[in-house]
Amino acid sequence: MIGSKVRVKVSSVKGIRDPEGREGYRIEFVEVRQKPPMVIATPREVPKEVSSMVVQISKGIQTAIPGGSSKEYELQKLTLILTREELEAFEHTPYPNQIYELTVSKGNLSFTKVS
């Protein structure tokens, strides 16, 4: 079976300390997905002029509310907690908004930097 690939974005990187007092990092990844198009349907018995007005008003409301005009949304995907040594072995220095391609295959996670 070929691995599954997902584009993930670094949403946050925070410095932490583990129970033994070692310095570490909490790295949170999110998957950015496209919102499906909104479909607005009106009953067939409603006149066409009224239907088009309802669609225009609905689109106007979508752009007026916070986040309504956004074409994508973020889905929490993965959180890594690594010590400094583990982060160095990771061979990537993640910063917020960096994009990686995450490949999941045969029990392995592989990260490839995209941007």
C-alpha atoms as a PDB file:
ATOM      1  CA  MET A   1       0.000   0.000   0.000  1.00  0.00           C
ATOM      2  CA  ILE A   2       1.222   3.483  -0.872  1.00  0.00           C
ATOM      3  CA  GLY A   3       1.344   5.994   1.972  1.00  0.00           C
ATOM      4  CA  SER A   4      -1.249   8.657   2.552  1.00  0.00           C
ATOM      5  CA  LYS A   5      -0.093  12.285   2.074  1.00  0.00           C
ATOM      6  CA  VAL A   6      -1.535  15.324   3.834  1.00  0.00           C
ATOM      7  CA  ARG A   7      -0.440  18.969   3.740  1.00  0.00           C
ATOM      8  CA  VAL A   8      -0.094  20.355   7.240  1.00  0.00           C
ATOM      9  CA  LYS A   9       0.733  23.824   8.542  1.00  0.00           C
ATOM     10  CA  VAL A  10       2.568  24.613  11.761  1.00  0.00           C
ATOM     11  CA  SER A  11      -0.001  26.465  13.856  1.00  0.00           C
ATOM     12  CA  SER A  12       2.153  27.034  16.942  1.00  0.00           C
ATOM     13  CA  VAL A  13       5.516  26.267  18.521  1.00  0.00           C
ATOM     14  CA  LYS A  14       5.804  26.644  22.294  1.00  0.00           C
ATOM     15  CA  GLY A  15       8.727  26.128  24.641  1.00  0.00           C
ATOM     16  CA  ILE A  16       7.943  23.719  27.499  1.00  0.00           C
ATOM     17  CA  ARG A  17       9.710  21.756  30.240  1.00  0.00           C
ATOM     18  CA  ASP A  18       9.155  18.049  30.744  1.00  0.00           C
ATOM     19  CA  PRO A  19       8.658  16.503  34.219  1.00  0.00           C
ATOM     20  CA  GLU A  20      12.443  15.992  34.511  1.00  0.00           C
ATOM     21  CA  GLY A  21      13.065  19.702  33.852  1.00  0.00           C
ATOM     22  CA  ARG A  22      14.482  19.266  30.338  1.00  0.00           C
ATOM     23  CA  GLU A  23      13.781  21.948  27.781  1.00  0.00           C
ATOM     24  CA  GLY A  24      11.384  20.895  25.055  1.00  0.00           C
ATOM     25  CA  TYR A  25       8.997  22.109  22.383  1.00  0.00           C
ATOM     26  CA  ARG A  26       5.321  21.576  21.677  1.00  0.00           C
ATOM     27  CA  ILE A  27       4.640  21.780  17.932  1.00  0.00           C
ATOM     28  CA  GLU A  28       1.047  21.830  16.729  1.00  0.00           C
ATOM     29  CA  PHE A  29       0.130  21.003  13.140  1.00  0.00           C
ATOM     30  CA  VAL A  30      -3.186  21.687  11.425  1.00  0.00           C
ATOM     31  CA  GLU A  31      -4.532  20.537   8.093  1.00  0.00           C
ATOM     32  CA  VAL A  32      -5.837  23.380   5.944  1.00  0.00           C
ATOM     33  CA  ARG A  33      -8.926  22.273   4.024  1.00  0.00           C
ATOM     34  CA  GLN A  34     -11.036  24.033   1.423  1.00  0.00           C
ATOM     35  CA  LYS A  35     -14.596  24.835   2.455  1.00  0.00           C
ATOM     36  CA  PRO A  36     -17.142  23.140   0.234  1.00  0.00           C
ATOM     37  CA  PRO A  37     -19.219  25.555  -1.835  1.00  0.00           C
ATOM     38  CA  MET A  38     -22.416  26.716  -0.173  1.00  0.00           C
ATOM     39  CA  VAL A  39     -25.566  25.625  -1.958  1.00  0.00           C
ATOM     40  CA  ILE A  40     -28.707  27.630  -1.359  1.00  0.00           C
ATOM     41  CA  ALA A  41     -31.940  26.170  -2.652  1.00  0.00           C
ATOM     42  CA  THR A  42     -35.373  27.708  -2.573  1.00  0.00           C
ATOM     43  CA  PRO A  43     -38.672  25.884  -3.100  1.00  0.00           C
ATOM     44  CA  ARG A  44     -39.783  25.581  -6.744  1.00  0.00           C
ATOM     45  CA  GLU A  45     -43.017  27.455  -6.109  1.00  0.00           C
ATOM     46  CA  VAL A  46     -41.106  30.622  -5.082  1.00  0.00           C
ATOM     47  CA  PRO A  47     -40.793  33.104  -7.973  1.00  0.00           C
ATOM     48  CA  LYS A  48     -37.356  33.311  -9.614  1.00  0.00           C
ATOM     49  CA  GLU A  49     -36.905  36.982  -8.638  1.00  0.00           C
ATOM     50  CA  VAL A  50     -37.469  36.180  -4.964  1.00  0.00           C
ATOM     51  CA  SER A  51     -35.104  33.187  -5.159  1.00  0.00           C
ATOM     52  CA  SER A  52     -32.287  35.295  -6.623  1.00  0.00           C
ATOM     53  CA  MET A  53     -32.854  37.974  -3.943  1.00  0.00           C
ATOM     54  CA  VAL A  54     -32.647  35.331  -1.175  1.00  0.00           C
ATOM     55  CA  VAL A  55     -29.368  34.017  -2.641  1.00  0.00           C
ATOM     56  CA  GLN A  56     -27.879  37.541  -2.826  1.00  0.00           C
ATOM     57  CA  ILE A  57     -28.904  38.340   0.755  1.00  0.00           C
ATOM     58  CA  SER A  58     -27.467  35.016   1.985  1.00  0.00           C
ATOM     59  CA  LYS A  59     -24.135  35.723   0.265  1.00  0.00           C
ATOM     60  CA  GLY A  60     -24.081  39.220   1.765  1.00  0.00           C
ATOM     61  CA  ILE A  61     -24.644  37.846   5.266  1.00  0.00           C
ATOM     62  CA  GLN A  62     -21.821  35.318   4.762  1.00  0.00           C
ATOM     63  CA  THR A  63     -19.316  38.065   3.959  1.00  0.00           C
ATOM     64  CA  ALA A  64     -20.519  40.244   6.877  1.00  0.00           C
ATOM     65  CA  ILE A  65     -20.015  37.673   9.643  1.00  0.00           C
ATOM     66  CA  PRO A  66     -16.452  37.049  10.921  1.00  0.00           C
ATOM     67  CA  GLY A  67     -14.814  34.219   8.980  1.00  0.00           C
ATOM     68  CA  GLY A  68     -17.787  33.936   6.615  1.00  0.00           C
ATOM     69  CA  SER A  69     -15.836  34.928   3.514  1.00  0.00           C
ATOM     70  CA  SER A  70     -12.938  32.562   4.252  1.00  0.00           C
ATOM     71  CA  LYS A  71     -12.446  29.865   1.621  1.00  0.00           C
ATOM     72  CA  GLU A  72     -10.661  27.449   3.939  1.00  0.00           C
ATOM     73  CA  TYR A  73     -10.654  26.146   7.483  1.00  0.00           C
ATOM     74  CA  GLU A  74      -8.094  24.501   9.776  1.00  0.00           C
ATOM     75  CA  LEU A  75      -8.456  21.070  11.333  1.00  0.00           C
ATOM     76  CA  GLN A  76      -6.209  20.060  14.265  1.00  0.00           C
ATOM     77  CA  LYS A  77      -4.082  17.214  12.925  1.00  0.00           C
ATOM     78  CA  LEU A  78      -1.029  16.426  15.060  1.00  0.00           C
ATOM     79  CA  THR A  79       0.835  17.628  18.155  1.00  0.00           C
ATOM     80  CA  LEU A  80       4.499  16.732  18.709  1.00  0.00           C
ATOM     81  CA  ILE A  81       6.264  17.224  22.027  1.00  0.00           C
ATOM     82  CA  LEU A  82      10.015  16.986  21.508  1.00  0.00           C
ATOM     83  CA  THR A  83      13.080  17.596  23.647  1.00  0.00           C
ATOM     84  CA  ARG A  84      15.826  19.802  22.230  1.00  0.00           C
ATOM     85  CA  GLU A  85      17.788  16.696  21.187  1.00  0.00           C
ATOM     86  CA  GLU A  86      14.743  15.173  19.496  1.00  0.00           C
ATOM     87  CA  LEU A  87      14.061  18.430  17.642  1.00  0.00           C
ATOM     88  CA  GLU A  88      17.655  18.441  16.347  1.00  0.00           C
ATOM     89  CA  ALA A  89      17.218  14.814  15.203  1.00  0.00           C
ATOM     90  CA  PHE A  90      13.936  15.853  13.509  1.00  0.00           C
ATOM     91  CA  GLU A  91      16.148  17.843  11.066  1.00  0.00           C
ATOM     92  CA  HIS A  92      13.508  20.550  10.577  1.00  0.00           C
ATOM     93  CA  THR A  93      13.141  23.793  12.494  1.00  0.00           C
ATOM     94  CA  PRO A  94       9.394  24.409  12.415  1.00  0.00           C
ATOM     95  CA  TYR A  95       8.051  27.964  12.569  1.00  0.00           C
ATOM     96  CA  PRO A  96       4.386  29.029  12.558  1.00  0.00           C
ATOM     97  CA  ASN A  97       2.757  29.012   9.098  1.00  0.00           C
ATOM     98  CA  GLN A  98       5.354  26.700   7.550  1.00  0.00           C
ATOM     99  CA  ILE A  99       3.823  24.061   5.286  1.00  0.00           C
ATOM    100  CA  TYR A 100       4.900  20.416   5.349  1.00  0.00           C
ATOM    101  CA  GLU A 101       3.758  17.356   3.480  1.00  0.00           C
ATOM    102  CA  LEU A 102       3.058  14.627   6.027  1.00  0.00           C
ATOM    103  CA  THR A 103       3.318  11.075   4.680  1.00  0.00           C
ATOM    104  CA  VAL A 104       1.835   8.266   6.749  1.00  0.00           C
ATOM    105  CA  SER A 105       2.984   4.807   5.642  1.00  0.00           C
ATOM    106  CA  LYS A 106       3.487   1.461   7.375  1.00  0.00           C
ATOM    107  CA  GLY A 107       3.618   2.907  10.900  1.00  0.00           C
ATOM    108  CA  ASN A 108       5.942   5.779   9.925  1.00  0.00           C
ATOM    109  CA  LEU A 109       5.390   9.535   9.798  1.00  0.00           C
ATOM    110  CA  SER A 110       7.555  11.443   7.332  1.00  0.00           C
ATOM    111  CA  PHE A 111       7.718  15.254   7.019  1.00  0.00           C
ATOM    112  CA  THR A 112       8.826  17.053   3.848  1.00  0.00           C
ATOM    113  CA  LYS A 113       9.104  20.845   3.959  1.00  0.00           C
ATOM    114  CA  VAL A 114       7.012  22.545   1.244  1.00  0.00           C
ATOM    115  CA  SER A 115       7.373  26.222   2.225  1.00  0.00           C
END
